Amino acid sequence: MIGVLPLTVTYAGKTTAYGCGADGARLKKIETDPVTGTQDVTLYVGPLETPKRRTKTGKG
């Protein structure tokens, strides 16, 4: 393995968490807005990206 990326990054108050497979491929990205608590979730399946928006409680 050449390098290891952090699983969670916080920049300008916004937190982004990544879920990766055993091979290091990106599977999921969750961006959390610190003000509203809203989460934007992107799922990665092969070459496809599926963005979703969830609320603080996970409903949406």
Protein backbone atom coordinates (compact mmCIF):
# COMPACT_ATOMS: atom_id res chain seq x y z
CA MET A 1 0.00 0.00 0.00
CA ILE A 2 1.52 3.33 -1.06
CA GLY A 3 -0.44 5.63 1.24
CA VAL A 4 -3.33 5.60 3.65
CA LEU A 5 -6.01 8.28 3.52
CA PRO A 6 -7.79 9.40 6.69
CA LEU A 7 -11.32 8.08 7.07
CA THR A 8 -12.62 11.37 8.49
CA VAL A 9 -11.68 14.90 7.46
CA THR A 10 -12.91 18.17 8.99
CA TYR A 11 -12.44 21.42 7.08
CA ALA A 12 -14.13 24.76 7.75
CA GLY A 13 -16.43 23.04 10.25
CA LYS A 14 -17.77 20.50 7.75
CA THR A 15 -16.97 16.84 8.43
CA THR A 16 -16.55 14.30 5.66
CA ALA A 17 -16.26 10.60 6.46
CA TYR A 18 -15.30 7.90 3.97
CA GLY A 19 -16.09 4.19 3.94
CA CYS A 20 -13.68 2.04 1.97
CA GLY A 21 -13.60 -1.60 0.96
CA ALA A 22 -10.80 -4.04 1.79
CA ASP A 23 -9.10 -3.17 -1.51
CA GLY A 24 -9.14 0.56 -0.65
CA ALA A 25 -11.91 1.39 -3.13
CA ARG A 26 -14.26 4.15 -2.00
CA LEU A 27 -17.72 2.81 -1.16
CA LYS A 28 -19.42 5.63 0.74
CA LYS A 29 -18.94 9.33 1.56
CA ILE A 30 -20.90 11.14 4.28
CA GLU A 31 -20.69 14.95 4.52
CA THR A 32 -22.18 16.48 7.67
CA ASP A 33 -23.19 20.15 7.91
CA PRO A 34 -22.31 21.37 11.42
CA VAL A 35 -25.08 24.01 11.51
CA THR A 36 -28.08 21.99 10.38
CA GLY A 37 -26.81 18.47 11.10
CA THR A 38 -27.91 17.43 7.59
CA GLN A 39 -25.92 14.62 6.04
CA ASP A 40 -25.24 14.24 2.32
CA VAL A 41 -24.45 10.60 1.54
CA THR A 42 -22.88 9.40 -1.70
CA LEU A 43 -22.72 5.66 -2.43
CA TYR A 44 -20.19 4.36 -4.95
CA VAL A 45 -20.91 1.13 -6.85
CA GLY A 46 -18.30 0.54 -9.52
CA PRO A 47 -18.34 3.58 -11.82
CA LEU A 48 -21.73 4.79 -10.50
CA GLU A 49 -22.33 7.48 -7.86
CA THR A 50 -25.66 7.65 -6.03
CA PRO A 51 -26.09 10.90 -4.01
CA LYS A 52 -28.69 11.05 -1.24
CA ARG A 53 -29.60 13.68 1.33
CA ARG A 54 -30.54 12.69 4.85
CA THR A 55 -31.64 14.77 7.78
CA LYS A 56 -30.11 14.84 11.23
CA THR A 57 -32.36 11.98 12.36
CA GLY A 58 -31.55 9.82 9.34
CA LYS A 59 -34.95 10.37 7.69
CA GLY A 60 -35.18 11.88 4.27
